[in-house]
Amino acid sequence: MKRRNFIQQAATVLPLSILACNTDTSPSEIQTDELSNGSKVRNNPIGISTYSFWQFNGPKEDTPIESCIDEAARLGFDGIELLLVQMTSEERSYLHQLKKRAFHAGLDLMGFSTHQGFLSPDPSKRQENIDKTIHQIELAYQLGIPTMRLNTGRWGTSKSFDDLMANRGIEPPLDGYEDEDGFKWVIDSIEKCIPKAEECGVVLGLENHWGLGRTADGVKRIVDEIDSPWLLVTLDTGNFLENPYDQLEVLAPQTILVQAKTYFGEGKWYTLDLDYPRIGEIMRAVNYRGYISLEFEGKAAVKEAIPQSLELLRNAFYYDV
């Protein structure tokens, strides 16, 4: 019996979850097979963050965005997420060159990963970060990128990022302040960025990324209180160090982009043994059809680990059509 005929017949008798976990099933076969109930499934588009190629290892000029675009296309990704601090310029000509290169490579520019911080009692510092974020939204617009990663920022009471990671992302507030103060500053600041996001058509995705975004409840509180279609969630699978699946489930309905971490060769700061078929089921339960963006954060050789990661994600993320 031909392999494809076998898979088609199996789809009429085996549960979808079993077929999805079969790593011998290629993305195209998952996409086109008809199930016994007459429905079909299609893979989520899979992108990759340029961070995966760099990881802040050495000068960013050694891992130019242009080479990341070329390699992502060669490996078969559908799109690429740009890490702003990895870019060598914000000049219009540079942005247009990146957009042109991605288009010619057949890749979507599907995400823009930026840094900012609103967790400060100093109004001038918060305004500085508001202005910075508005500028970043304008950059995303020039690049034609539809969603931009947003952070709450951190209290800054850890000596270093390594110390923060050693303490599992937990950081005490500044003396004399509480998290409640921080939530007010963050919400007020992000609200001031929403009009620019709407004007430019760029959806802001608040990431579960330390600070007040360390927990799903913290992220959801901010998104719910602002209550704008231009603020949703960038869901990072690797940033919940306690009860990850419960927390992913809380934020799944409001997710605009999934950042999926893998740790082949062990992680830089920690290693999570993530059950991606289970995470795929969480996203299917809310009918998530958007991009999955790989963030490889392991120590294995990139040329081996990134193709492995792509195969893992293609097998885990799909949806009914």
C-alpha atoms as a PDB file:
ATOM      1  CA  MET A   1       0.000   0.000   0.000  1.00  0.00           C
ATOM      2  CA  LYS A   2       1.343   3.440  -0.874  1.00  0.00           C
ATOM      3  CA  ARG A   3       2.212   5.542   2.164  1.00  0.00           C
ATOM      4  CA  ARG A   4      -0.171   8.354   1.226  1.00  0.00           C
ATOM      5  CA  ASN A   5      -3.092   5.943   0.709  1.00  0.00           C
ATOM      6  CA  PHE A   6      -2.355   4.452   4.117  1.00  0.00           C
ATOM      7  CA  ILE A   7      -2.505   7.879   5.773  1.00  0.00           C
ATOM      8  CA  GLN A   8      -5.753   8.734   4.011  1.00  0.00           C
ATOM      9  CA  GLN A   9      -7.350   5.492   5.197  1.00  0.00           C
ATOM     10  CA  ALA A  10      -5.974   5.923   8.702  1.00  0.00           C
ATOM     11  CA  ALA A  11      -7.568   9.371   8.905  1.00  0.00           C
ATOM     12  CA  THR A  12     -10.994   7.730   8.735  1.00  0.00           C
ATOM     13  CA  VAL A  13     -10.397   5.567  11.799  1.00  0.00           C
ATOM     14  CA  LEU A  14      -7.707   7.207  13.962  1.00  0.00           C
ATOM     15  CA  PRO A  15      -8.242  10.265  16.202  1.00  0.00           C
ATOM     16  CA  LEU A  16      -6.785  13.478  14.865  1.00  0.00           C
ATOM     17  CA  SER A  17      -4.466  13.785  17.873  1.00  0.00           C
ATOM     18  CA  ILE A  18      -2.772  10.489  17.000  1.00  0.00           C
ATOM     19  CA  LEU A  19      -2.206  11.510  13.407  1.00  0.00           C
ATOM     20  CA  ALA A  20      -0.852  14.877  14.497  1.00  0.00           C
ATOM     21  CA  CYS A  21       1.735  13.288  16.777  1.00  0.00           C
ATOM     22  CA  ASN A  22       2.999  11.001  14.022  1.00  0.00           C
ATOM     23  CA  THR A  23       6.228  12.704  12.997  1.00  0.00           C
ATOM     24  CA  ASP A  24       6.260  10.715   9.749  1.00  0.00           C
ATOM     25  CA  THR A  25       3.250  12.703   8.561  1.00  0.00           C
ATOM     26  CA  SER A  26       4.405  15.596   6.410  1.00  0.00           C
ATOM     27  CA  PRO A  27       2.804  19.058   6.611  1.00  0.00           C
ATOM     28  CA  SER A  28       1.308  18.719   3.130  1.00  0.00           C
ATOM     29  CA  GLU A  29      -0.329  15.419   4.063  1.00  0.00           C
ATOM     30  CA  ILE A  30      -1.780  16.869   7.259  1.00  0.00           C
ATOM     31  CA  GLN A  31      -3.047  19.841   5.266  1.00  0.00           C
ATOM     32  CA  THR A  32      -4.857  17.873   2.563  1.00  0.00           C
ATOM     33  CA  ASP A  33      -6.178  14.730   4.288  1.00  0.00           C
ATOM     34  CA  GLU A  34      -9.905  14.541   4.805  1.00  0.00           C
ATOM     35  CA  LEU A  35     -11.072  13.215   8.156  1.00  0.00           C
ATOM     36  CA  SER A  36     -13.972  10.828   8.739  1.00  0.00           C
ATOM     37  CA  ASN A  37     -16.253  13.725   9.657  1.00  0.00           C
ATOM     38  CA  GLY A  38     -15.546  15.394   6.315  1.00  0.00           C
ATOM     39  CA  SER A  39     -13.365  18.160   7.773  1.00  0.00           C
ATOM     40  CA  LYS A  40      -9.820  18.969   6.723  1.00  0.00           C
ATOM     41  CA  VAL A  41      -6.878  20.437   8.599  1.00  0.00           C
ATOM     42  CA  ARG A  42      -4.323  23.003   7.566  1.00  0.00           C
ATOM     43  CA  ASN A  43      -0.974  23.893   9.121  1.00  0.00           C
ATOM     44  CA  ASN A  44      -0.500  27.207  10.856  1.00  0.00           C
ATOM     45  CA  PRO A  45       2.093  29.278   9.008  1.00  0.00           C
ATOM     46  CA  ILE A  46       5.475  28.945  10.716  1.00  0.00           C
ATOM     47  CA  GLY A  47       7.891  31.854  10.928  1.00  0.00           C
ATOM     48  CA  ILE A  48      11.192  32.348  12.687  1.00  0.00           C
ATOM     49  CA  SER A  49      12.568  35.214  14.737  1.00  0.00           C
ATOM     50  CA  THR A  50      15.919  36.547  13.609  1.00  0.00           C
ATOM     51  CA  TYR A  51      16.841  36.184  17.308  1.00  0.00           C
ATOM     52  CA  SER A  52      17.047  32.426  16.699  1.00  0.00           C
ATOM     53  CA  PHE A  53      20.099  32.897  14.491  1.00  0.00           C
ATOM     54  CA  TRP A  54      21.796  35.431  16.795  1.00  0.00           C
ATOM     55  CA  GLN A  55      20.728  34.989  20.460  1.00  0.00           C
ATOM     56  CA  PHE A  56      22.812  38.056  21.354  1.00  0.00           C
ATOM     57  CA  ASN A  57      25.931  35.939  20.798  1.00  0.00           C
ATOM     58  CA  GLY A  58      28.596  38.319  19.512  1.00  0.00           C
ATOM     59  CA  PRO A  59      28.209  41.520  17.493  1.00  0.00           C
ATOM     60  CA  LYS A  60      24.911  41.766  15.640  1.00  0.00           C
ATOM     61  CA  GLU A  61      26.840  42.656  12.495  1.00  0.00           C
ATOM     62  CA  ASP A  62      28.075  39.037  12.469  1.00  0.00           C
ATOM     63  CA  THR A  63      24.467  37.869  12.022  1.00  0.00           C
ATOM     64  CA  PRO A  64      22.903  40.418   9.674  1.00  0.00           C
ATOM     65  CA  ILE A  65      19.165  40.460   9.144  1.00  0.00           C
ATOM     66  CA  GLU A  66      19.730  39.917   5.417  1.00  0.00           C
ATOM     67  CA  SER A  67      21.425  36.556   6.001  1.00  0.00           C
ATOM     68  CA  CYS A  68      18.633  35.555   8.416  1.00  0.00           C
ATOM     69  CA  ILE A  69      16.051  36.241   5.708  1.00  0.00           C
ATOM     70  CA  ASP A  70      17.962  34.179   3.154  1.00  0.00           C
ATOM     71  CA  GLU A  71      18.467  31.257   5.539  1.00  0.00           C
ATOM     72  CA  ALA A  72      14.835  31.268   6.718  1.00  0.00           C
ATOM     73  CA  ALA A  73      13.699  31.027   3.096  1.00  0.00           C
ATOM     74  CA  ARG A  74      16.188  28.245   2.324  1.00  0.00           C
ATOM     75  CA  LEU A  75      14.964  26.207   5.307  1.00  0.00           C
ATOM     76  CA  GLY A  76      11.326  26.473   4.255  1.00  0.00           C
ATOM     77  CA  PHE A  77       9.808  28.905   6.749  1.00  0.00           C
ATOM     78  CA  ASP A  78       6.719  30.886   5.754  1.00  0.00           C
ATOM     79  CA  GLY A  79       7.688  34.159   7.402  1.00  0.00           C
ATOM     80  CA  ILE A  80      10.231  35.969   9.529  1.00  0.00           C
ATOM     81  CA  GLU A  81       9.974  38.074  12.684  1.00  0.00           C
ATOM     82  CA  LEU A  82      12.480  40.924  12.916  1.00  0.00           C
ATOM     83  CA  LEU A  83      14.247  41.723  16.181  1.00  0.00           C
ATOM     84  CA  LEU A  84      14.640  45.493  16.165  1.00  0.00           C
ATOM     85  CA  VAL A  85      17.859  45.628  18.201  1.00  0.00           C
ATOM     86  CA  GLN A  86      19.443  43.252  15.668  1.00  0.00           C
ATOM     87  CA  MET A  87      18.820  45.681  12.800  1.00  0.00           C
ATOM     88  CA  THR A  88      21.749  47.871  11.809  1.00  0.00           C
ATOM     89  CA  SER A  89      19.711  50.905  10.795  1.00  0.00           C
ATOM     90  CA  GLU A  90      16.284  52.523  10.991  1.00  0.00           C
ATOM     91  CA  GLU A  91      16.760  54.514   7.799  1.00  0.00           C
ATOM     92  CA  ARG A  92      13.930  54.278   5.291  1.00  0.00           C
ATOM     93  CA  SER A  93      16.224  52.889   2.573  1.00  0.00           C
ATOM     94  CA  TYR A  94      17.367  50.056   4.875  1.00  0.00           C
ATOM     95  CA  LEU A  95      13.789  49.181   5.840  1.00  0.00           C
ATOM     96  CA  HIS A  96      12.755  49.095   2.193  1.00  0.00           C
ATOM     97  CA  GLN A  97      15.695  46.826   1.337  1.00  0.00           C
ATOM     98  CA  LEU A  98      14.638  44.357   4.032  1.00  0.00           C
ATOM     99  CA  LYS A  99      11.034  44.409   2.840  1.00  0.00           C
ATOM    100  CA  LYS A 100      12.130  43.855  -0.766  1.00  0.00           C
ATOM    101  CA  ARG A 101      14.501  41.037   0.188  1.00  0.00           C
ATOM    102  CA  ALA A 102      11.838  39.183   2.175  1.00  0.00           C
ATOM    103  CA  PHE A 103       9.298  39.548  -0.635  1.00  0.00           C
ATOM    104  CA  HIS A 104      11.734  38.193  -3.213  1.00  0.00           C
ATOM    105  CA  ALA A 105      12.527  35.288  -0.866  1.00  0.00           C
ATOM    106  CA  GLY A 106       8.831  34.447  -0.574  1.00  0.00           C
ATOM    107  CA  LEU A 107       8.642  35.304   3.135  1.00  0.00           C
ATOM    108  CA  ASP A 108       6.100  37.350   5.073  1.00  0.00           C
ATOM    109  CA  LEU A 109       7.484  39.977   7.417  1.00  0.00           C
ATOM    110  CA  MET A 110       5.074  38.764  10.091  1.00  0.00           C
ATOM    111  CA  GLY A 111       6.303  40.136  13.412  1.00  0.00           C
ATOM    112  CA  PHE A 112       8.359  42.944  14.926  1.00  0.00           C
ATOM    113  CA  SER A 113      10.009  42.265  18.279  1.00  0.00           C
ATOM    114  CA  THR A 114      10.769  45.476  20.186  1.00  0.00           C
ATOM    115  CA  HIS A 115      11.825  46.513  23.676  1.00  0.00           C
ATOM    116  CA  GLN A 116      10.419  49.228  25.897  1.00  0.00           C
ATOM    117  CA  GLY A 117       9.647  49.676  29.601  1.00  0.00           C
ATOM    118  CA  PHE A 118       6.898  51.606  31.342  1.00  0.00           C
ATOM    119  CA  LEU A 119       7.586  50.315  34.854  1.00  0.00           C
ATOM    120  CA  SER A 120       9.047  53.502  36.343  1.00  0.00           C
ATOM    121  CA  PRO A 121       7.812  56.082  38.857  1.00  0.00           C
ATOM    122  CA  ASP A 122       9.491  58.805  36.764  1.00  0.00           C
ATOM    123  CA  PRO A 123       6.941  60.359  34.356  1.00  0.00           C
ATOM    124  CA  SER A 124       9.715  61.570  32.049  1.00  0.00           C
ATOM    125  CA  LYS A 125      11.085  58.028  31.660  1.00  0.00           C
ATOM    126  CA  ARG A 126       7.629  56.696  30.925  1.00  0.00           C
ATOM    127  CA  GLN A 127       7.091  59.406  28.323  1.00  0.00           C
ATOM    128  CA  GLU A 128      10.463  58.594  26.768  1.00  0.00           C
ATOM    129  CA  ASN A 129       9.315  54.994  26.338  1.00  0.00           C
ATOM    130  CA  ILE A 130       5.913  56.056  25.019  1.00  0.00           C
ATOM    131  CA  ASP A 131       7.646  58.142  22.349  1.00  0.00           C
ATOM    132  CA  LYS A 132      10.007  55.252  21.618  1.00  0.00           C
ATOM    133  CA  THR A 133       7.107  52.826  21.194  1.00  0.00           C
ATOM    134  CA  ILE A 134       5.212  55.195  18.894  1.00  0.00           C
ATOM    135  CA  HIS A 135       8.353  55.444  16.753  1.00  0.00           C
ATOM    136  CA  GLN A 136       8.624  51.645  16.673  1.00  0.00           C
ATOM    137  CA  ILE A 137       5.007  51.377  15.516  1.00  0.00           C
ATOM    138  CA  GLU A 138       5.867  53.709  12.648  1.00  0.00           C
ATOM    139  CA  LEU A 139       8.830  51.481  11.744  1.00  0.00           C
ATOM    140  CA  ALA A 140       6.537  48.439  11.682  1.00  0.00           C
ATOM    141  CA  TYR A 141       4.185  50.346   9.388  1.00  0.00           C
ATOM    142  CA  GLN A 142       7.017  51.199   6.985  1.00  0.00           C
ATOM    143  CA  LEU A 143       8.059  47.543   6.933  1.00  0.00           C
ATOM    144  CA  GLY A 144       4.487  46.396   6.351  1.00  0.00           C
ATOM    145  CA  ILE A 145       4.512  44.279   9.528  1.00  0.00           C
ATOM    146  CA  PRO A 146       1.028  43.708  10.999  1.00  0.00           C
ATOM    147  CA  THR A 147       1.903  43.050  14.665  1.00  0.00           C
ATOM    148  CA  MET A 148       4.528  44.287  17.109  1.00  0.00           C
ATOM    149  CA  ARG A 149       5.702  42.700  20.365  1.00  0.00           C
ATOM    150  CA  LEU A 150       5.315  44.936  23.424  1.00  0.00           C
ATOM    151  CA  ASN A 151       6.795  44.623  26.943  1.00  0.00           C
ATOM    152  CA  THR A 152       5.688  46.059  30.284  1.00  0.00           C
ATOM    153  CA  GLY A 153       9.300  46.594  31.291  1.00  0.00           C
ATOM    154  CA  ARG A 154      10.957  45.473  34.544  1.00  0.00           C
ATOM    155  CA  TRP A 155      11.461  47.043  37.936  1.00  0.00           C
ATOM    156  CA  GLY A 156      15.234  46.938  37.412  1.00  0.00           C
ATOM    157  CA  THR A 157      15.994  45.778  40.957  1.00  0.00           C
ATOM    158  CA  SER A 158      17.941  42.728  39.743  1.00  0.00           C
ATOM    159  CA  LYS A 159      21.681  43.172  39.329  1.00  0.00           C
ATOM    160  CA  SER A 160      21.621  41.600  35.890  1.00  0.00           C
ATOM    161  CA  PHE A 161      19.455  39.546  33.542  1.00  0.00           C
ATOM    162  CA  ASP A 162      21.372  36.460  34.663  1.00  0.00           C
ATOM    163  CA  ASP A 163      20.351  37.209  38.261  1.00  0.00           C
ATOM    164  CA  LEU A 164      16.751  37.704  37.152  1.00  0.00           C
ATOM    165  CA  MET A 165      16.771  34.314  35.438  1.00  0.00           C
ATOM    166  CA  ALA A 166      18.389  32.689  38.483  1.00  0.00           C
ATOM    167  CA  ASN A 167      15.415  34.007  40.479  1.00  0.00           C
ATOM    168  CA  ARG A 168      12.959  32.564  37.895  1.00  0.00           C
ATOM    169  CA  GLY A 169      11.983  35.983  36.598  1.00  0.00           C
ATOM    170  CA  ILE A 170      10.766  37.258  39.969  1.00  0.00           C
ATOM    171  CA  GLU A 171      11.883  40.776  40.842  1.00  0.00           C
ATOM    172  CA  PRO A 172      10.876  42.934  43.838  1.00  0.00           C
ATOM    173  CA  PRO A 173       9.428  46.420  43.228  1.00  0.00           C
ATOM    174  CA  LEU A 174      11.434  49.560  43.864  1.00  0.00           C
ATOM    175  CA  ASP A 175      11.479  50.709  47.483  1.00  0.00           C
ATOM    176  CA  GLY A 176       8.302  52.563  48.362  1.00  0.00           C
ATOM    177  CA  TYR A 177       6.252  51.159  45.477  1.00  0.00           C
ATOM    178  CA  GLU A 178       4.053  48.145  44.768  1.00  0.00           C
ATOM    179  CA  ASP A 179       2.978  46.230  41.692  1.00  0.00           C
ATOM    180  CA  GLU A 180      -0.321  48.122  41.874  1.00  0.00           C
ATOM    181  CA  ASP A 181       1.559  51.350  41.150  1.00  0.00           C
ATOM    182  CA  GLY A 182       3.257  49.640  38.228  1.00  0.00           C
ATOM    183  CA  PHE A 183       0.012  48.444  36.681  1.00  0.00           C
ATOM    184  CA  LYS A 184      -1.306  52.008  36.622  1.00  0.00           C
ATOM    185  CA  TRP A 185       1.854  53.336  34.949  1.00  0.00           C
ATOM    186  CA  VAL A 186       1.925  50.554  32.366  1.00  0.00           C
ATOM    187  CA  ILE A 187      -1.771  50.816  31.497  1.00  0.00           C
ATOM    188  CA  ASP A 188      -1.672  54.614  31.208  1.00  0.00           C
ATOM    189  CA  SER A 189       1.447  54.439  29.010  1.00  0.00           C
ATOM    190  CA  ILE A 190       0.189  51.761  26.621  1.00  0.00           C
ATOM    191  CA  GLU A 191      -3.132  53.581  26.267  1.00  0.00           C
ATOM    192  CA  LYS A 192      -1.189  56.536  24.860  1.00  0.00           C
ATOM    193  CA  CYS A 193       0.288  54.257  22.155  1.00  0.00           C
ATOM    194  CA  ILE A 194      -3.031  52.835  20.983  1.00  0.00           C
ATOM    195  CA  PRO A 195      -4.041  55.745  18.679  1.00  0.00           C
ATOM    196  CA  LYS A 196      -0.787  55.396  16.714  1.00  0.00           C
ATOM    197  CA  ALA A 197      -1.260  51.623  16.482  1.00  0.00           C
ATOM    198  CA  GLU A 198      -4.755  52.131  15.065  1.00  0.00           C
ATOM    199  CA  GLU A 199      -3.561  54.835  12.661  1.00  0.00           C
ATOM    200  CA  CYS A 200      -0.810  52.556  11.324  1.00  0.00           C
ATOM    201  CA  GLY A 201      -2.832  49.334  11.405  1.00  0.00           C
ATOM    202  CA  VAL A 202      -0.287  47.603  13.659  1.00  0.00           C
ATOM    203  CA  VAL A 203      -1.692  45.343  16.382  1.00  0.00           C
ATOM    204  CA  LEU A 204       0.350  45.553  19.589  1.00  0.00           C
ATOM    205  CA  GLY A 205       0.939  42.184  21.222  1.00  0.00           C
ATOM    206  CA  LEU A 206       1.758  42.384  24.940  1.00  0.00           C
ATOM    207  CA  GLU A 207       4.140  39.535  25.695  1.00  0.00           C
ATOM    208  CA  ASN A 208       4.378  37.429  28.841  1.00  0.00           C
ATOM    209  CA  HIS A 209       7.936  38.647  29.271  1.00  0.00           C
ATOM    210  CA  TRP A 210       8.974  39.260  32.898  1.00  0.00           C
ATOM    211  CA  GLY A 211       8.019  42.414  34.790  1.00  0.00           C
ATOM    212  CA  LEU A 212       4.267  42.691  35.233  1.00  0.00           C
ATOM    213  CA  GLY A 213       3.918  40.356  32.246  1.00  0.00           C
ATOM    214  CA  ARG A 214       5.538  37.435  34.059  1.00  0.00           C
ATOM    215  CA  THR A 215       2.148  35.816  34.673  1.00  0.00           C
ATOM    216  CA  ALA A 216      -0.896  35.284  32.476  1.00  0.00           C
ATOM    217  CA  ASP A 217      -3.041  37.162  34.997  1.00  0.00           C
ATOM    218  CA  GLY A 218      -0.744  40.195  34.765  1.00  0.00           C
ATOM    219  CA  VAL A 219      -0.840  40.273  30.974  1.00  0.00           C
ATOM    220  CA  LYS A 220      -4.586  39.710  30.857  1.00  0.00           C
ATOM    221  CA  ARG A 221      -5.273  42.434  33.412  1.00  0.00           C
ATOM    222  CA  ILE A 222      -3.486  45.029  31.276  1.00  0.00           C
ATOM    223  CA  VAL A 223      -5.063  43.897  27.996  1.00  0.00           C
ATOM    224  CA  ASP A 224      -8.547  43.699  29.507  1.00  0.00           C
ATOM    225  CA  GLU A 225      -8.378  47.104  31.192  1.00  0.00           C
ATOM    226  CA  ILE A 226      -7.241  48.862  28.027  1.00  0.00           C
ATOM    227  CA  ASP A 227      -9.855  46.900  26.066  1.00  0.00           C
ATOM    228  CA  SER A 228      -8.790  47.820  22.527  1.00  0.00           C
ATOM    229  CA  PRO A 229      -8.712  45.660  19.381  1.00  0.00           C
ATOM    230  CA  TRP A 230      -5.259  47.156  18.778  1.00  0.00           C
ATOM    231  CA  LEU A 231      -3.827  45.525  21.920  1.00  0.00           C
ATOM    232  CA  LEU A 232      -3.765  41.741  22.092  1.00  0.00           C
ATOM    233  CA  VAL A 233      -1.216  39.159  23.287  1.00  0.00           C
ATOM    234  CA  THR A 234       2.104  37.878  21.985  1.00  0.00           C
ATOM    235  CA  LEU A 235       2.134  34.456  23.613  1.00  0.00           C
ATOM    236  CA  ASP A 236       5.627  33.151  24.418  1.00  0.00           C
ATOM    237  CA  THR A 237       5.577  29.426  25.174  1.00  0.00           C
ATOM    238  CA  GLY A 238       8.870  29.588  27.082  1.00  0.00           C
ATOM    239  CA  ASN A 239       8.255  32.430  29.531  1.00  0.00           C
ATOM    240  CA  PHE A 240       5.923  30.708  31.983  1.00  0.00           C
ATOM    241  CA  LEU A 241       8.113  28.868  34.477  1.00  0.00           C
ATOM    242  CA  GLU A 242       5.193  27.712  36.641  1.00  0.00           C
ATOM    243  CA  ASN A 243       2.034  25.964  35.397  1.00  0.00           C
ATOM    244  CA  PRO A 244       2.813  26.801  31.754  1.00  0.00           C
ATOM    245  CA  TYR A 245      -0.140  25.024  30.114  1.00  0.00           C
ATOM    246  CA  ASP A 246      -2.735  26.543  32.449  1.00  0.00           C
ATOM    247  CA  GLN A 247      -1.291  29.999  31.824  1.00  0.00           C
ATOM    248  CA  LEU A 248      -1.071  29.525  28.061  1.00  0.00           C
ATOM    249  CA  GLU A 249      -4.712  28.511  28.097  1.00  0.00           C
ATOM    250  CA  VAL A 250      -5.688  31.739  29.887  1.00  0.00           C
ATOM    251  CA  LEU A 251      -4.133  33.925  27.182  1.00  0.00           C
ATOM    252  CA  ALA A 252      -4.838  31.790  24.099  1.00  0.00           C
ATOM    253  CA  PRO A 253      -8.181  33.471  23.220  1.00  0.00           C
ATOM    254  CA  GLN A 254      -6.521  36.903  22.976  1.00  0.00           C
ATOM    255  CA  THR A 255      -3.367  35.831  21.142  1.00  0.00           C
ATOM    256  CA  ILE A 256      -2.279  37.579  17.940  1.00  0.00           C
ATOM    257  CA  LEU A 257       1.119  35.814  17.615  1.00  0.00           C
ATOM    258  CA  VAL A 258       2.672  32.719  19.190  1.00  0.00           C
ATOM    259  CA  GLN A 259       6.407  32.771  19.888  1.00  0.00           C
ATOM    260  CA  ALA A 260       7.457  29.137  20.272  1.00  0.00           C
ATOM    261  CA  LYS A 261      10.715  28.459  22.082  1.00  0.00           C
ATOM    262  CA  THR A 262      12.847  25.354  21.596  1.00  0.00           C
ATOM    263  CA  TYR A 263      15.918  24.335  23.597  1.00  0.00           C
ATOM    264  CA  PHE A 264      17.876  21.751  21.626  1.00  0.00           C
ATOM    265  CA  GLY A 265      21.267  21.325  23.298  1.00  0.00           C
ATOM    266  CA  GLU A 266      19.906  22.830  26.551  1.00  0.00           C
ATOM    267  CA  GLY A 267      18.826  26.433  27.006  1.00  0.00           C
ATOM    268  CA  LYS A 268      20.948  29.490  27.658  1.00  0.00           C
ATOM    269  CA  TRP A 269      19.331  30.238  31.042  1.00  0.00           C
ATOM    270  CA  TYR A 270      16.963  27.320  31.579  1.00  0.00           C
ATOM    271  CA  THR A 271      15.482  24.413  29.656  1.00  0.00           C
ATOM    272  CA  LEU A 272      11.765  23.656  29.448  1.00  0.00           C
ATOM    273  CA  ASP A 273      10.481  20.294  28.256  1.00  0.00           C
ATOM    274  CA  LEU A 274       7.471  21.708  26.421  1.00  0.00           C
ATOM    275  CA  ASP A 275       4.725  19.417  25.169  1.00  0.00           C
ATOM    276  CA  TYR A 276       4.055  20.993  21.790  1.00  0.00           C
ATOM    277  CA  PRO A 277       1.247  18.653  20.726  1.00  0.00           C
ATOM    278  CA  ARG A 278      -0.530  19.737  23.938  1.00  0.00           C
ATOM    279  CA  ILE A 279       0.147  23.412  23.200  1.00  0.00           C
ATOM    280  CA  GLY A 280      -1.152  22.875  19.682  1.00  0.00           C
ATOM    281  CA  GLU A 281      -4.381  21.513  21.142  1.00  0.00           C
ATOM    282  CA  ILE A 282      -4.709  24.596  23.371  1.00  0.00           C
ATOM    283  CA  MET A 283      -4.461  26.860  20.334  1.00  0.00           C
ATOM    284  CA  ARG A 284      -6.834  24.734  18.241  1.00  0.00           C
ATOM    285  CA  ALA A 285      -9.424  24.971  21.020  1.00  0.00           C
ATOM    286  CA  VAL A 286      -9.637  28.733  20.371  1.00  0.00           C
ATOM    287  CA  ASN A 287      -9.391  28.314  16.574  1.00  0.00           C
ATOM    288  CA  TYR A 288      -6.038  30.107  16.385  1.00  0.00           C
ATOM    289  CA  ARG A 289      -5.029  30.292  12.715  1.00  0.00           C
ATOM    290  CA  GLY A 290      -2.180  32.774  12.913  1.00  0.00           C
ATOM    291  CA  TYR A 291       1.591  32.571  12.803  1.00  0.00           C
ATOM    292  CA  ILE A 292       3.869  30.506  15.014  1.00  0.00           C
ATOM    293  CA  SER A 293       7.246  32.240  15.329  1.00  0.00           C
ATOM    294  CA  LEU A 294      10.186  30.047  16.320  1.00  0.00           C
ATOM    295  CA  GLU A 295      12.536  31.423  18.956  1.00  0.00           C
ATOM    296  CA  PHE A 296      15.373  28.924  19.178  1.00  0.00           C
ATOM    297  CA  GLU A 297      17.137  29.443  22.511  1.00  0.00           C
ATOM    298  CA  GLY A 298      19.302  26.349  22.803  1.00  0.00           C
ATOM    299  CA  LYS A 299      23.012  25.726  22.613  1.00  0.00           C
ATOM    300  CA  ALA A 300      22.921  23.189  19.783  1.00  0.00           C
ATOM    301  CA  ALA A 301      24.282  24.135  16.369  1.00  0.00           C
ATOM    302  CA  VAL A 302      21.803  26.379  14.578  1.00  0.00           C
ATOM    303  CA  LYS A 303      22.128  24.472  11.297  1.00  0.00           C
ATOM    304  CA  GLU A 304      20.828  21.323  13.021  1.00  0.00           C
ATOM    305  CA  ALA A 305      18.499  22.677  15.699  1.00  0.00           C
ATOM    306  CA  ILE A 306      16.453  25.075  13.580  1.00  0.00           C
ATOM    307  CA  PRO A 307      15.354  22.426  11.019  1.00  0.00           C
ATOM    308  CA  GLN A 308      14.504  20.125  13.956  1.00  0.00           C
ATOM    309  CA  SER A 309      12.473  22.912  15.512  1.00  0.00           C
ATOM    310  CA  LEU A 310      10.623  23.602  12.269  1.00  0.00           C
ATOM    311  CA  GLU A 311       9.610  19.954  11.964  1.00  0.00           C
ATOM    312  CA  LEU A 312       8.454  19.918  15.596  1.00  0.00           C
ATOM    313  CA  LEU A 313       6.266  22.986  15.141  1.00  0.00           C
ATOM    314  CA  ARG A 314       4.805  21.902  11.791  1.00  0.00           C
ATOM    315  CA  ASN A 315       3.643  18.643  13.369  1.00  0.00           C
ATOM    316  CA  ALA A 316       2.115  20.374  16.411  1.00  0.00           C
ATOM    317  CA  PHE A 317       0.281  23.379  14.989  1.00  0.00           C
ATOM    318  CA  TYR A 318      -2.636  23.012  12.591  1.00  0.00           C
ATOM    319  CA  TYR A 319      -6.353  23.828  12.632  1.00  0.00           C
ATOM    320  CA  ASP A 320      -9.640  22.602  11.195  1.00  0.00           C
ATOM    321  CA  VAL A 321     -10.838  24.084   7.901  1.00  0.00           C
END
